[in-house]
């Protein structure tokens, strides 16, 4: 089975098949390097997308987690037993959404921030999914077109016009 994929632009100095004996390691690498790279990129993208979609489902939940509520309630009860002065006013918490009152019970403060945190997380994961899809399409296109070797050759050409040579300058072109 021949899985050879050749980018639209290849460097003349790459010599993927020039002078290579059939069946050698270099020939096999030249044949399957691009295919292996593309398969690896798509597999990593698929795994990360699966993780993002799993996480996205959790952001749709609008119910405050019961185990967190129970744990924080225990902390509030323990703090009140220790003699901390706790404010029972949830209106004060609602008025100052960004401020954390260290003397107030924790549970109402957490509940007031829960929905906004879920909404932010959902927006962030949606943007991340769109960004990842665009990044995959961009990477695959640039790889299949051969844009990176083309840019390298173009920069070498411009460098030689400016008088930069491999022997005289620190940056090797």
Protein backbone atom coordinates (compact mmCIF):
# COMPACT_ATOMS: atom_id res chain seq x y z
CA UNK A 1 0.00 0.00 0.00
CA UNK A 2 1.47 3.32 -1.07
CA UNK A 3 0.71 6.12 1.37
CA UNK A 4 3.03 8.63 -0.22
CA UNK A 5 1.83 12.20 0.06
CA UNK A 6 3.99 14.91 -1.40
CA UNK A 7 3.41 18.56 -0.54
CA UNK A 8 2.68 20.96 -3.37
CA UNK A 9 6.07 22.65 -2.84
CA UNK A 10 9.19 20.72 -1.86
CA UNK A 11 12.74 21.94 -1.54
CA UNK A 12 15.11 20.88 -4.24
CA UNK A 13 17.75 20.16 -1.58
CA UNK A 14 15.43 17.82 0.31
CA UNK A 15 16.09 14.97 -2.09
CA UNK A 16 13.31 12.77 -0.77
CA UNK A 17 13.67 10.19 -3.50
CA UNK A 18 16.71 11.42 -5.42
CA UNK A 19 19.62 9.03 -5.13
CA UNK A 20 17.96 6.82 -2.55
CA UNK A 21 17.87 3.11 -3.01
CA UNK A 22 14.40 1.61 -2.79
CA UNK A 23 13.70 0.04 0.59
CA UNK A 24 16.35 1.94 2.55
CA UNK A 25 15.58 3.68 5.79
CA UNK A 26 15.92 7.10 4.16
CA UNK A 27 13.52 6.11 1.39
CA UNK A 28 10.95 4.82 3.90
CA UNK A 29 11.31 7.98 5.98
CA UNK A 30 10.87 10.12 2.88
CA UNK A 31 7.76 8.23 1.89
CA UNK A 32 6.01 8.09 5.22
CA UNK A 33 7.23 11.12 7.19
CA UNK A 34 4.51 13.43 5.95
CA UNK A 35 1.80 10.80 6.33
CA UNK A 36 3.00 10.02 9.86
CA UNK A 37 3.05 13.70 10.76
CA UNK A 38 -0.46 14.28 9.44
CA UNK A 39 -1.82 11.18 11.19
CA UNK A 40 -0.18 12.24 14.46
CA UNK A 41 -1.61 15.78 14.23
CA UNK A 42 -5.11 14.47 13.52
CA UNK A 43 -4.95 11.89 16.34
CA UNK A 44 -3.83 14.52 18.86
CA UNK A 45 -6.54 16.89 17.64
CA UNK A 46 -9.18 14.16 17.94
CA UNK A 47 -8.13 13.29 21.49
CA UNK A 48 -8.10 16.94 22.59
CA UNK A 49 -11.47 17.55 20.93
CA UNK A 50 -12.93 14.55 22.75
CA UNK A 51 -11.67 15.98 26.07
CA UNK A 52 -13.07 19.43 25.23
CA UNK A 53 -16.48 18.03 24.32
CA UNK A 54 -16.61 16.04 27.57
CA UNK A 55 -15.73 19.18 29.53
CA UNK A 56 -18.27 21.21 27.57
CA UNK A 57 -21.08 18.92 28.74
CA UNK A 58 -20.22 19.68 32.37
CA UNK A 59 -20.47 23.43 31.74
CA UNK A 60 -24.12 23.05 30.74
CA UNK A 61 -25.00 21.99 34.29
CA UNK A 62 -26.71 24.80 36.22
CA UNK A 63 -27.07 22.86 39.48
CA UNK A 64 -24.58 23.63 42.22
CA UNK A 65 -22.73 20.38 43.07
CA UNK A 66 -24.23 18.74 46.17
CA UNK A 67 -20.90 17.40 47.47
CA UNK A 68 -19.35 20.86 47.30
CA UNK A 69 -22.38 22.34 49.04
CA UNK A 70 -22.12 19.77 51.85
CA UNK A 71 -18.39 20.34 52.30
CA UNK A 72 -18.63 24.12 52.31
CA UNK A 73 -21.59 23.99 54.72
CA UNK A 74 -19.42 21.99 57.14
CA UNK A 75 -16.69 24.62 56.83
CA UNK A 76 -19.19 27.43 57.50
CA UNK A 77 -20.53 25.58 60.57
CA UNK A 78 -17.00 24.99 61.84
CA UNK A 79 -16.11 28.67 61.35
CA UNK A 80 -19.23 29.78 63.22
CA UNK A 81 -18.38 27.44 66.14
CA UNK A 82 -14.89 28.90 66.34
CA UNK A 83 -16.43 32.25 67.14
CA UNK A 84 -15.96 33.98 63.81
CA UNK A 85 -18.47 36.71 63.26
CA UNK A 86 -20.46 35.64 60.19
CA UNK A 87 -22.75 37.99 58.34
CA UNK A 88 -26.02 36.39 57.31
CA UNK A 89 -26.83 39.07 54.75
CA UNK A 90 -26.83 37.68 51.19
CA UNK A 91 -27.79 41.14 49.91
CA UNK A 92 -24.36 42.45 50.85
CA UNK A 93 -22.80 39.64 48.85
CA UNK A 94 -25.01 40.27 45.84
CA UNK A 95 -24.12 43.99 45.88
CA UNK A 96 -20.41 43.30 45.79
CA UNK A 97 -20.06 40.46 43.29
CA UNK A 98 -16.32 40.86 42.81
CA UNK A 99 -15.46 41.33 46.47
CA UNK A 100 -14.95 38.41 48.79
CA UNK A 101 -16.03 39.04 52.35
CA UNK A 102 -13.85 36.91 54.65
CA UNK A 103 -16.33 37.23 57.53
CA UNK A 104 -19.39 36.11 55.55
CA UNK A 105 -20.39 32.45 55.05
CA UNK A 106 -18.67 30.88 52.07
CA UNK A 107 -21.61 28.97 50.63
CA UNK A 108 -23.72 31.97 49.52
CA UNK A 109 -20.63 33.57 48.00
CA UNK A 110 -19.83 30.42 46.02
CA UNK A 111 -23.40 30.00 44.84
CA UNK A 112 -23.50 33.61 43.62
CA UNK A 113 -20.39 33.06 41.48
CA UNK A 114 -21.24 29.56 40.25
CA UNK A 115 -23.48 30.48 37.30
CA UNK A 116 -21.18 33.20 36.05
CA UNK A 117 -18.23 30.79 36.27
CA UNK A 118 -20.15 28.13 34.33
CA UNK A 119 -21.09 30.66 31.67
CA UNK A 120 -17.50 31.88 31.36
CA UNK A 121 -16.19 28.32 31.15
CA UNK A 122 -18.70 27.42 28.43
CA UNK A 123 -17.76 30.48 26.38
CA UNK A 124 -14.08 29.72 26.82
CA UNK A 125 -14.42 26.08 25.77
CA UNK A 126 -16.57 27.01 22.76
CA UNK A 127 -13.94 29.49 21.62
CA UNK A 128 -11.25 26.89 22.22
CA UNK A 129 -13.08 24.36 20.04
CA UNK A 130 -13.44 26.86 17.20
CA UNK A 131 -9.81 27.89 17.59
CA UNK A 132 -8.63 24.28 17.56
CA UNK A 133 -10.62 23.49 14.41
CA UNK A 134 -9.18 26.55 12.67
CA UNK A 135 -5.68 25.64 13.87
CA UNK A 136 -6.00 22.10 12.52
CA UNK A 137 -7.25 23.30 9.13
CA UNK A 138 -4.51 25.92 8.99
CA UNK A 139 -1.76 23.47 9.92
CA UNK A 140 -2.92 20.81 7.49
CA UNK A 141 -3.20 23.30 4.62
CA UNK A 142 0.21 24.86 5.26
CA UNK A 143 1.79 21.42 5.54
CA UNK A 144 0.15 20.04 2.40
CA UNK A 145 0.91 23.18 0.41
CA UNK A 146 4.53 23.11 1.56
CA UNK A 147 4.42 26.68 2.84
CA UNK A 148 7.16 26.26 5.45
CA UNK A 149 9.84 25.02 3.02
CA UNK A 150 8.74 27.70 0.57
CA UNK A 151 9.14 30.42 3.20
CA UNK A 152 12.55 29.02 4.12
CA UNK A 153 13.70 29.08 0.50
CA UNK A 154 12.27 32.56 0.05
CA UNK A 155 14.13 33.85 3.11
CA UNK A 156 17.35 32.25 1.84
CA UNK A 157 16.85 33.97 -1.50
CA UNK A 158 16.26 37.36 0.17
CA UNK A 159 19.25 36.78 2.45
CA UNK A 160 21.54 36.08 -0.48
CA UNK A 161 20.32 39.28 -2.21
CA UNK A 162 21.31 41.19 0.94
CA UNK A 163 24.75 39.65 0.86
CA UNK A 164 24.36 37.16 3.68
CA UNK A 165 26.23 33.97 3.14
CA UNK A 166 26.51 30.79 5.13
CA UNK A 167 30.26 31.16 5.52
CA UNK A 168 30.37 34.79 6.67
CA UNK A 169 27.32 35.22 8.89
CA UNK A 170 26.17 33.72 12.16
CA UNK A 171 22.74 32.78 10.86
CA UNK A 172 23.13 29.90 8.47
CA UNK A 173 20.93 30.08 5.40
